[in-house]
PDB file of all heavy atoms in Angstrom:
ATOM      1  N   ALA A   1     -11.403  80.912 -33.075  1.00  0.00           N
ATOM      2  CA  ALA A   1     -10.921  82.287 -32.990  1.00  0.00           C
ATOM      3  C   ALA A   1     -10.110  82.499 -31.713  1.00  0.00           C
ATOM      4  O   ALA A   1      -9.093  83.201 -31.715  1.00  0.00           O
ATOM      5  CB  ALA A   1     -12.090  83.259 -33.040  1.00  0.00           C
ATOM      6  N   ALA A   2     -10.556  81.878 -30.637  1.00  0.00           N
ATOM      7  CA  ALA A   2      -9.809  81.966 -29.381  1.00  0.00           C
ATOM      8  C   ALA A   2      -8.428  81.345 -29.536  1.00  0.00           C
ATOM      9  O   ALA A   2      -7.441  81.847 -28.981  1.00  0.00           O
ATOM     10  CB  ALA A   2     -10.584  81.276 -28.258  1.00  0.00           C
ATOM     11  N   ALA A   3      -8.344  80.253 -30.278  1.00  0.00           N
ATOM     12  CA  ALA A   3      -7.050  79.617 -30.533  1.00  0.00           C
ATOM     13  C   ALA A   3      -6.136  80.557 -31.314  1.00  0.00           C
ATOM     14  O   ALA A   3      -4.927  80.626 -31.064  1.00  0.00           O
ATOM     15  CB  ALA A   3      -7.247  78.309 -31.297  1.00  0.00           C
ATOM     16  N   TYR A   4      -6.704  81.285 -32.246  1.00  0.00           N
ATOM     17  CA  TYR A   4      -5.935  82.259 -33.025  1.00  0.00           C
ATOM     18  C   TYR A   4      -5.402  83.373 -32.124  1.00  0.00           C
ATOM     19  O   TYR A   4      -4.218  83.722 -32.166  1.00  0.00           O
ATOM     20  CB  TYR A   4      -6.824  82.830 -34.128  1.00  0.00           C
ATOM     21  CG  TYR A   4      -6.201  83.959 -34.909  1.00  0.00           C
ATOM     22  CD1 TYR A   4      -5.170  83.727 -35.818  1.00  0.00           C
ATOM     23  CD2 TYR A   4      -6.648  85.269 -34.744  1.00  0.00           C
ATOM     24  CE1 TYR A   4      -4.593  84.766 -36.543  1.00  0.00           C
ATOM     25  CE2 TYR A   4      -6.090  86.311 -35.463  1.00  0.00           C
ATOM     26  CZ  TYR A   4      -5.059  86.058 -36.356  1.00  0.00           C
ATOM     27  OH  TYR A   4      -4.488  87.092 -37.066  1.00  0.00           O
ATOM     28  N   VAL A   5      -6.272  83.903 -31.271  1.00  0.00           N
ATOM     29  CA  VAL A   5      -5.892  85.003 -30.380  1.00  0.00           C
ATOM     30  C   VAL A   5      -4.853  84.553 -29.361  1.00  0.00           C
ATOM     31  O   VAL A   5      -3.931  85.307 -29.016  1.00  0.00           O
ATOM     32  CB  VAL A   5      -7.142  85.563 -29.668  1.00  0.00           C
ATOM     33  CG1 VAL A   5      -6.752  86.538 -28.560  1.00  0.00           C
ATOM     34  CG2 VAL A   5      -8.069  86.246 -30.661  1.00  0.00           C
ATOM     35  N   ALA A   6      -4.976  83.292 -28.884  1.00  0.00           N
ATOM     36  CA  ALA A   6      -4.103  82.803 -27.813  1.00  0.00           C
ATOM     37  C   ALA A   6      -2.792  82.218 -28.332  1.00  0.00           C
ATOM     38  O   ALA A   6      -1.979  81.742 -27.537  1.00  0.00           O
ATOM     39  CB  ALA A   6      -4.845  81.758 -26.980  1.00  0.00           C
ATOM     40  N   GLY A   7      -2.576  82.236 -29.624  1.00  0.00           N
ATOM     41  CA  GLY A   7      -1.298  81.789 -30.169  1.00  0.00           C
ATOM     42  C   GLY A   7      -1.134  80.284 -30.286  1.00  0.00           C
ATOM     43  O   GLY A   7      -0.010  79.774 -30.225  1.00  0.00           O
ATOM     44  N   VAL A   8      -2.231  79.563 -30.472  1.00  0.00           N
ATOM     45  CA  VAL A   8      -2.144  78.116 -30.687  1.00  0.00           C
ATOM     46  C   VAL A   8      -1.462  77.849 -32.021  1.00  0.00           C
ATOM     47  O   VAL A   8      -1.723  78.519 -33.019  1.00  0.00           O
ATOM     48  CB  VAL A   8      -3.550  77.484 -30.656  1.00  0.00           C
ATOM     49  CG1 VAL A   8      -3.507  76.030 -31.113  1.00  0.00           C
ATOM     50  CG2 VAL A   8      -4.137  77.590 -29.253  1.00  0.00           C
ATOM     51  N   THR A   9      -0.570  76.871 -32.037  1.00  0.00           N
ATOM     52  CA  THR A   9       0.211  76.582 -33.244  1.00  0.00           C
ATOM     53  C   THR A   9      -0.598  75.840 -34.289  1.00  0.00           C
ATOM     54  O   THR A   9      -0.605  76.194 -35.474  1.00  0.00           O
ATOM     55  CB  THR A   9       1.448  75.733 -32.882  1.00  0.00           C
ATOM     56  OG1 THR A   9       2.144  76.353 -31.807  1.00  0.00           O
ATOM     57  CG2 THR A   9       2.364  75.580 -34.078  1.00  0.00           C
ATOM     58  N   LYS A  10      -1.289  74.776 -33.851  1.00  0.00           N
ATOM     59  CA  LYS A  10      -2.060  73.957 -34.785  1.00  0.00           C
ATOM     60  C   LYS A  10      -3.211  73.307 -34.042  1.00  0.00           C
ATOM     61  O   LYS A  10      -3.111  73.018 -32.849  1.00  0.00           O
ATOM     62  CB  LYS A  10      -1.176  72.886 -35.422  1.00  0.00           C
ATOM     63  CG  LYS A  10      -1.851  72.074 -36.543  1.00  0.00           C
ATOM     64  CD  LYS A  10      -0.879  71.105 -37.210  1.00  0.00           C
ATOM     65  CE  LYS A  10       0.125  71.835 -38.079  1.00  0.00           C
ATOM     66  NZ  LYS A  10       0.973  70.885 -38.865  1.00  0.00           N
ATOM     67  N   VAL A  11      -4.312  73.066 -34.761  1.00  0.00           N
ATOM     68  CA  VAL A  11      -5.503  72.460 -34.167  1.00  0.00           C
ATOM     69  C   VAL A  11      -5.855  71.183 -34.910  1.00  0.00           C
ATOM     70  O   VAL A  11      -5.827  71.137 -36.148  1.00  0.00           O
ATOM     71  CB  VAL A  11      -6.707  73.430 -34.211  1.00  0.00           C
ATOM     72  CG1 VAL A  11      -7.976  72.743 -33.711  1.00  0.00           C
ATOM     73  CG2 VAL A  11      -6.417  74.678 -33.389  1.00  0.00           C
ATOM     74  N   PHE A  12      -6.189  70.144 -34.130  1.00  0.00           N
ATOM     75  CA  PHE A  12      -6.699  68.895 -34.695  1.00  0.00           C
ATOM     76  C   PHE A  12      -8.109  68.684 -34.164  1.00  0.00           C
ATOM     77  O   PHE A  12      -8.340  68.754 -32.953  1.00  0.00           O
ATOM     78  CB  PHE A  12      -5.803  67.715 -34.304  1.00  0.00           C
ATOM     79  CG  PHE A  12      -4.423  67.782 -34.887  1.00  0.00           C
ATOM     80  CD1 PHE A  12      -3.400  68.435 -34.201  1.00  0.00           C
ATOM     81  CD2 PHE A  12      -4.139  67.228 -36.124  1.00  0.00           C
ATOM     82  CE1 PHE A  12      -2.118  68.511 -34.732  1.00  0.00           C
ATOM     83  CE2 PHE A  12      -2.860  67.307 -36.665  1.00  0.00           C
ATOM     84  CZ  PHE A  12      -1.849  67.940 -35.973  1.00  0.00           C
ATOM     85  N   THR A  13      -9.039  68.428 -35.061  1.00  0.00           N
ATOM     86  CA  THR A  13     -10.439  68.282 -34.665  1.00  0.00           C
ATOM     87  C   THR A  13     -10.715  66.834 -34.252  1.00  0.00           C
ATOM     88  O   THR A  13     -11.461  66.103 -34.902  1.00  0.00           O
ATOM     89  CB  THR A  13     -11.384  68.722 -35.795  1.00  0.00           C
ATOM     90  OG1 THR A  13     -11.100  67.962 -36.977  1.00  0.00           O
ATOM     91  CG2 THR A  13     -11.216  70.190 -36.098  1.00  0.00           C
ATOM     92  N   VAL A  14     -10.107  66.451 -33.155  1.00  0.00           N
ATOM     93  CA  VAL A  14     -10.306  65.128 -32.571  1.00  0.00           C
ATOM     94  C   VAL A  14     -10.548  65.309 -31.078  1.00  0.00           C
ATOM     95  O   VAL A  14     -10.139  66.311 -30.490  1.00  0.00           O
ATOM     96  CB  VAL A  14      -9.097  64.199 -32.807  1.00  0.00           C
ATOM     97  CG1 VAL A  14      -8.916  63.912 -34.291  1.00  0.00           C
ATOM     98  CG2 VAL A  14      -7.819  64.804 -32.229  1.00  0.00           C
ATOM     99  N   GLY A  15     -11.219  64.343 -30.478  1.00  0.00           N
ATOM    100  CA  GLY A  15     -11.507  64.454 -29.056  1.00  0.00           C
ATOM    101  C   GLY A  15     -11.477  63.108 -28.376  1.00  0.00           C
ATOM    102  O   GLY A  15     -11.070  62.096 -28.972  1.00  0.00           O
ATOM    103  N   GLY A  16     -11.906  63.082 -27.134  1.00  0.00           N
ATOM    104  CA  GLY A  16     -12.003  61.836 -26.397  1.00  0.00           C
ATOM    105  C   GLY A  16     -10.657  61.237 -26.041  1.00  0.00           C
ATOM    106  O   GLY A  16      -9.602  61.866 -26.169  1.00  0.00           O
ATOM    107  N   ALA A  17     -10.707  59.980 -25.596  1.00  0.00           N
ATOM    108  CA  ALA A  17      -9.491  59.266 -25.202  1.00  0.00           C
ATOM    109  C   ALA A  17      -8.510  59.162 -26.359  1.00  0.00           C
ATOM    110  O   ALA A  17      -7.288  59.174 -26.166  1.00  0.00           O
ATOM    111  CB  ALA A  17      -9.848  57.873 -24.682  1.00  0.00           C
ATOM    112  N   GLN A  18      -9.038  59.070 -27.591  1.00  0.00           N
ATOM    113  CA  GLN A  18      -8.158  58.926 -28.756  1.00  0.00           C
ATOM    114  C   GLN A  18      -7.301  60.171 -28.961  1.00  0.00           C
ATOM    115  O   GLN A  18      -6.144  60.074 -29.385  1.00  0.00           O
ATOM    116  CB  GLN A  18      -8.972  58.616 -30.014  1.00  0.00           C
ATOM    117  CG  GLN A  18     -10.015  59.638 -30.409  1.00  0.00           C
ATOM    118  CD  GLN A  18     -11.359  59.412 -29.749  1.00  0.00           C
ATOM    119  OE1 GLN A  18     -11.461  58.737 -28.730  1.00  0.00           O
ATOM    120  NE2 GLN A  18     -12.405  59.971 -30.345  1.00  0.00           N
ATOM    121  N   ALA A  19      -7.841  61.349 -28.644  1.00  0.00           N
ATOM    122  CA  ALA A  19      -7.058  62.576 -28.779  1.00  0.00           C
ATOM    123  C   ALA A  19      -5.950  62.629 -27.733  1.00  0.00           C
ATOM    124  O   ALA A  19      -4.818  63.031 -28.032  1.00  0.00           O
ATOM    125  CB  ALA A  19      -7.966  63.797 -28.641  1.00  0.00           C
ATOM    126  N   ILE A  20      -6.273  62.231 -26.506  1.00  0.00           N
ATOM    127  CA  ILE A  20      -5.264  62.208 -25.446  1.00  0.00           C
ATOM    128  C   ILE A  20      -4.150  61.233 -25.799  1.00  0.00           C
ATOM    129  O   ILE A  20      -2.951  61.532 -25.625  1.00  0.00           O
ATOM    130  CB  ILE A  20      -5.910  61.819 -24.100  1.00  0.00           C
ATOM    131  CG1 ILE A  20      -6.977  62.843 -23.692  1.00  0.00           C
ATOM    132  CG2 ILE A  20      -4.844  61.678 -23.019  1.00  0.00           C
ATOM    133  CD1 ILE A  20      -6.471  64.237 -23.478  1.00  0.00           C
ATOM    134  N   ALA A  21      -4.520  60.065 -26.304  1.00  0.00           N
ATOM    135  CA  ALA A  21      -3.516  59.058 -26.696  1.00  0.00           C
ATOM    136  C   ALA A  21      -2.627  59.591 -27.815  1.00  0.00           C
ATOM    137  O   ALA A  21      -1.405  59.382 -27.809  1.00  0.00           O
ATOM    138  CB  ALA A  21      -4.208  57.768 -27.124  1.00  0.00           C
ATOM    139  N   ALA A  22      -3.228  60.278 -28.783  1.00  0.00           N
ATOM    140  CA  ALA A  22      -2.445  60.819 -29.897  1.00  0.00           C
ATOM    141  C   ALA A  22      -1.430  61.840 -29.411  1.00  0.00           C
ATOM    142  O   ALA A  22      -0.271  61.854 -29.851  1.00  0.00           O
ATOM    143  CB  ALA A  22      -3.382  61.439 -30.935  1.00  0.00           C
ATOM    144  N   LEU A  23      -1.841  62.697 -28.494  1.00  0.00           N
ATOM    145  CA  LEU A  23      -0.919  63.692 -27.947  1.00  0.00           C
ATOM    146  C   LEU A  23       0.185  63.038 -27.124  1.00  0.00           C
ATOM    147  O   LEU A  23       1.339  63.474 -27.146  1.00  0.00           O
ATOM    148  CB  LEU A  23      -1.682  64.684 -27.067  1.00  0.00           C
ATOM    149  CG  LEU A  23      -2.647  65.642 -27.768  1.00  0.00           C
ATOM    150  CD1 LEU A  23      -3.454  66.420 -26.740  1.00  0.00           C
ATOM    151  CD2 LEU A  23      -1.906  66.602 -28.692  1.00  0.00           C
ATOM    152  N   ALA A  24      -0.176  61.988 -26.391  1.00  0.00           N
ATOM    153  CA  ALA A  24       0.792  61.351 -25.498  1.00  0.00           C
ATOM    154  C   ALA A  24       1.821  60.518 -26.251  1.00  0.00           C
ATOM    155  O   ALA A  24       3.013  60.545 -25.922  1.00  0.00           O
ATOM    156  CB  ALA A  24       0.070  60.472 -24.482  1.00  0.00           C
ATOM    157  N   TYR A  25       1.370  59.770 -27.231  1.00  0.00           N
ATOM    158  CA  TYR A  25       2.264  58.841 -27.931  1.00  0.00           C
ATOM    159  C   TYR A  25       2.752  59.372 -29.277  1.00  0.00           C
ATOM    160  O   TYR A  25       3.776  58.927 -29.790  1.00  0.00           O
ATOM    161  CB  TYR A  25       1.565  57.500 -28.153  1.00  0.00           C
ATOM    162  CG  TYR A  25       1.078  56.856 -26.885  1.00  0.00           C
ATOM    163  CD1 TYR A  25      -0.269  56.590 -26.682  1.00  0.00           C
ATOM    164  CD2 TYR A  25       1.966  56.524 -25.862  1.00  0.00           C
ATOM    165  CE1 TYR A  25      -0.724  55.997 -25.506  1.00  0.00           C
ATOM    166  CE2 TYR A  25       1.522  55.938 -24.686  1.00  0.00           C
ATOM    167  CZ  TYR A  25       0.180  55.680 -24.511  1.00  0.00           C
ATOM    168  OH  TYR A  25      -0.256  55.094 -23.352  1.00  0.00           O
ATOM    169  N   GLY A  26       1.995  60.317 -29.831  1.00  0.00           N
ATOM    170  CA  GLY A  26       2.317  60.804 -31.155  1.00  0.00           C
ATOM    171  C   GLY A  26       1.790  59.864 -32.221  1.00  0.00           C
ATOM    172  O   GLY A  26       1.663  58.651 -32.000  1.00  0.00           O
ATOM    173  N   THR A  27       1.445  60.415 -33.374  1.00  0.00           N
ATOM    174  CA  THR A  27       1.064  59.603 -34.535  1.00  0.00           C
ATOM    175  C   THR A  27       1.921  60.078 -35.702  1.00  0.00           C
ATOM    176  O   THR A  27       2.808  60.915 -35.535  1.00  0.00           O
ATOM    177  CB  THR A  27      -0.431  59.778 -34.875  1.00  0.00           C
ATOM    178  OG1 THR A  27      -0.642  61.095 -35.425  1.00  0.00           O
ATOM    179  CG2 THR A  27      -1.318  59.571 -33.655  1.00  0.00           C
ATOM    180  N   GLU A  28       1.621  59.571 -36.896  1.00  0.00           N
ATOM    181  CA  GLU A  28       2.381  60.023 -38.066  1.00  0.00           C
ATOM    182  C   GLU A  28       2.224  61.526 -38.286  1.00  0.00           C
ATOM    183  O   GLU A  28       3.101  62.172 -38.860  1.00  0.00           O
ATOM    184  CB  GLU A  28       1.917  59.282 -39.333  1.00  0.00           C
ATOM    185  CG  GLU A  28       2.104  57.778 -39.281  1.00  0.00           C
ATOM    186  CD  GLU A  28       0.884  57.042 -38.741  1.00  0.00           C
ATOM    187  OE1 GLU A  28       0.188  57.603 -37.859  1.00  0.00           O
ATOM    188  OE2 GLU A  28       0.619  55.920 -39.196  1.00  0.00           O
ATOM    189  N   THR A  29       1.094  62.081 -37.816  1.00  0.00           N
ATOM    190  CA  THR A  29       0.798  63.491 -38.082  1.00  0.00           C
ATOM    191  C   THR A  29       0.798  64.349 -36.825  1.00  0.00           C
ATOM    192  O   THR A  29       1.311  65.474 -36.829  1.00  0.00           O
ATOM    193  CB  THR A  29      -0.583  63.616 -38.772  1.00  0.00           C
ATOM    194  OG1 THR A  29      -0.582  62.804 -39.947  1.00  0.00           O
ATOM    195  CG2 THR A  29      -0.880  65.048 -39.148  1.00  0.00           C
ATOM    196  N   ILE A  30       0.228  63.839 -35.753  1.00  0.00           N
ATOM    197  CA  ILE A  30       0.169  64.601 -34.508  1.00  0.00           C
ATOM    198  C   ILE A  30       1.449  64.358 -33.717  1.00  0.00           C
ATOM    199  O   ILE A  30       1.775  63.214 -33.395  1.00  0.00           O
ATOM    200  CB  ILE A  30      -1.058  64.203 -33.671  1.00  0.00           C
ATOM    201  CG1 ILE A  30      -2.343  64.555 -34.425  1.00  0.00           C
ATOM    202  CG2 ILE A  30      -1.033  64.908 -32.304  1.00  0.00           C
ATOM    203  CD1 ILE A  30      -3.622  64.255 -33.665  1.00  0.00           C
ATOM    204  N   PRO A  31       2.183  65.417 -33.392  1.00  0.00           N
ATOM    205  CA  PRO A  31       3.451  65.231 -32.685  1.00  0.00           C
ATOM    206  C   PRO A  31       3.227  64.900 -31.206  1.00  0.00           C
ATOM    207  O   PRO A  31       2.249  65.346 -30.603  1.00  0.00           O
ATOM    208  CB  PRO A  31       4.141  66.588 -32.832  1.00  0.00           C
ATOM    209  CG  PRO A  31       3.015  67.561 -32.976  1.00  0.00           C
ATOM    210  CD  PRO A  31       1.925  66.841 -33.713  1.00  0.00           C
ATOM    211  N   GLN A  32       4.113  64.117 -30.636  1.00  0.00           N
ATOM    212  CA  GLN A  32       4.058  63.828 -29.212  1.00  0.00           C
ATOM    213  C   GLN A  32       4.360  65.101 -28.432  1.00  0.00           C
ATOM    214  O   GLN A  32       5.277  65.846 -28.764  1.00  0.00           O
ATOM    215  CB  GLN A  32       5.074  62.751 -28.840  1.00  0.00           C
ATOM    216  CG  GLN A  32       5.031  62.353 -27.369  1.00  0.00           C
ATOM    217  CD  GLN A  32       6.134  61.383 -26.995  1.00  0.00           C
ATOM    218  OE1 GLN A  32       7.271  61.502 -27.469  1.00  0.00           O
ATOM    219  NE2 GLN A  32       5.811  60.418 -26.147  1.00  0.00           N
ATOM    220  N   VAL A  33       3.590  65.344 -27.396  1.00  0.00           N
ATOM    221  CA  VAL A  33       3.788  66.537 -26.582  1.00  0.00           C
ATOM    222  C   VAL A  33       4.470  66.166 -25.276  1.00  0.00           C
ATOM    223  O   VAL A  33       4.636  64.991 -24.938  1.00  0.00           O
ATOM    224  CB  VAL A  33       2.442  67.254 -26.307  1.00  0.00           C
ATOM    225  CG1 VAL A  33       1.756  67.626 -27.615  1.00  0.00           C
ATOM    226  CG2 VAL A  33       1.524  66.396 -25.438  1.00  0.00           C
ATOM    227  N   ASP A  34       4.866  67.180 -24.529  1.00  0.00           N
ATOM    228  CA  ASP A  34       5.505  66.958 -23.235  1.00  0.00           C
ATOM    229  C   ASP A  34       4.501  66.973 -22.088  1.00  0.00           C
ATOM    230  O   ASP A  34       4.722  66.353 -21.050  1.00  0.00           O
ATOM    231  CB  ASP A  34       6.567  68.036 -22.984  1.00  0.00           C
ATOM    232  CG  ASP A  34       7.631  68.042 -24.064  1.00  0.00           C
ATOM    233  OD1 ASP A  34       8.123  66.949 -24.408  1.00  0.00           O
ATOM    234  OD2 ASP A  34       7.957  69.126 -24.573  1.00  0.00           O
ATOM    235  N   LYS A  35       3.386  67.692 -22.295  1.00  0.00           N
ATOM    236  CA  LYS A  35       2.390  67.806 -21.229  1.00  0.00           C
ATOM    237  C   LYS A  35       1.028  68.047 -21.858  1.00  0.00           C
ATOM    238  O   LYS A  35       0.920  68.706 -22.903  1.00  0.00           O
ATOM    239  CB  LYS A  35       2.751  68.963 -20.286  1.00  0.00           C
ATOM    240  CG  LYS A  35       1.935  69.018 -19.007  1.00  0.00           C
ATOM    241  CD  LYS A  35       2.542  70.025 -18.032  1.00  0.00           C
ATOM    242  CE  LYS A  35       1.932  69.879 -16.642  1.00  0.00           C
ATOM    243  NZ  LYS A  35       2.605  70.762 -15.663  1.00  0.00           N
ATOM    244  N   ILE A  36      -0.013  67.531 -21.210  1.00  0.00           N
ATOM    245  CA  ILE A  36      -1.386  67.716 -21.676  1.00  0.00           C
ATOM    246  C   ILE A  36      -2.169  68.425 -20.576  1.00  0.00           C
ATOM    247  O   ILE A  36      -2.149  68.017 -19.417  1.00  0.00           O
ATOM    248  CB  ILE A  36      -2.055  66.366 -21.996  1.00  0.00           C
ATOM    249  CG1 ILE A  36      -1.272  65.608 -23.083  1.00  0.00           C
ATOM    250  CG2 ILE A  36      -3.508  66.586 -22.443  1.00  0.00           C
ATOM    251  CD1 ILE A  36      -1.761  64.192 -23.308  1.00  0.00           C
ATOM    252  N   THR A  37      -2.867  69.491 -20.954  1.00  0.00           N
ATOM    253  CA  THR A  37      -3.705  70.207 -19.999  1.00  0.00           C
ATOM    254  C   THR A  37      -5.112  70.362 -20.573  1.00  0.00           C
ATOM    255  O   THR A  37      -5.326  70.227 -21.779  1.00  0.00           O
ATOM    256  CB  THR A  37      -3.138  71.599 -19.663  1.00  0.00           C
ATOM    257  OG1 THR A  37      -3.285  72.461 -20.806  1.00  0.00           O
ATOM    258  CG2 THR A  37      -1.672  71.520 -19.279  1.00  0.00           C
ATOM    259  N   GLY A  38      -6.050  70.662 -19.694  1.00  0.00           N
ATOM    260  CA  GLY A  38      -7.416  70.911 -20.132  1.00  0.00           C
ATOM    261  C   GLY A  38      -8.395  69.864 -19.646  1.00  0.00           C
ATOM    262  O   GLY A  38      -8.031  68.695 -19.488  1.00  0.00           O
ATOM    263  N   PRO A  39      -9.639  70.262 -19.403  1.00  0.00           N
ATOM    264  CA  PRO A  39     -10.659  69.365 -18.864  1.00  0.00           C
ATOM    265  C   PRO A  39     -11.340  68.544 -19.945  1.00  0.00           C
ATOM    266  O   PRO A  39     -11.225  68.828 -21.134  1.00  0.00           O
ATOM    267  CB  PRO A  39     -11.651  70.341 -18.230  1.00  0.00           C
ATOM    268  CG  PRO A  39     -11.583  71.536 -19.147  1.00  0.00           C
ATOM    269  CD  PRO A  39     -10.144  71.640 -19.575  1.00  0.00           C
TER     270      PRO A  39
END
């Protein structure tokens, strides 16, 4: 719900190092981003 209120575009239910790698390099489905934030 917080993601909805804050205007998040899309959510992937993945975590850990694999999620960071997916954001950094991109996969067939998860697009590569320019910056990663969050603890």
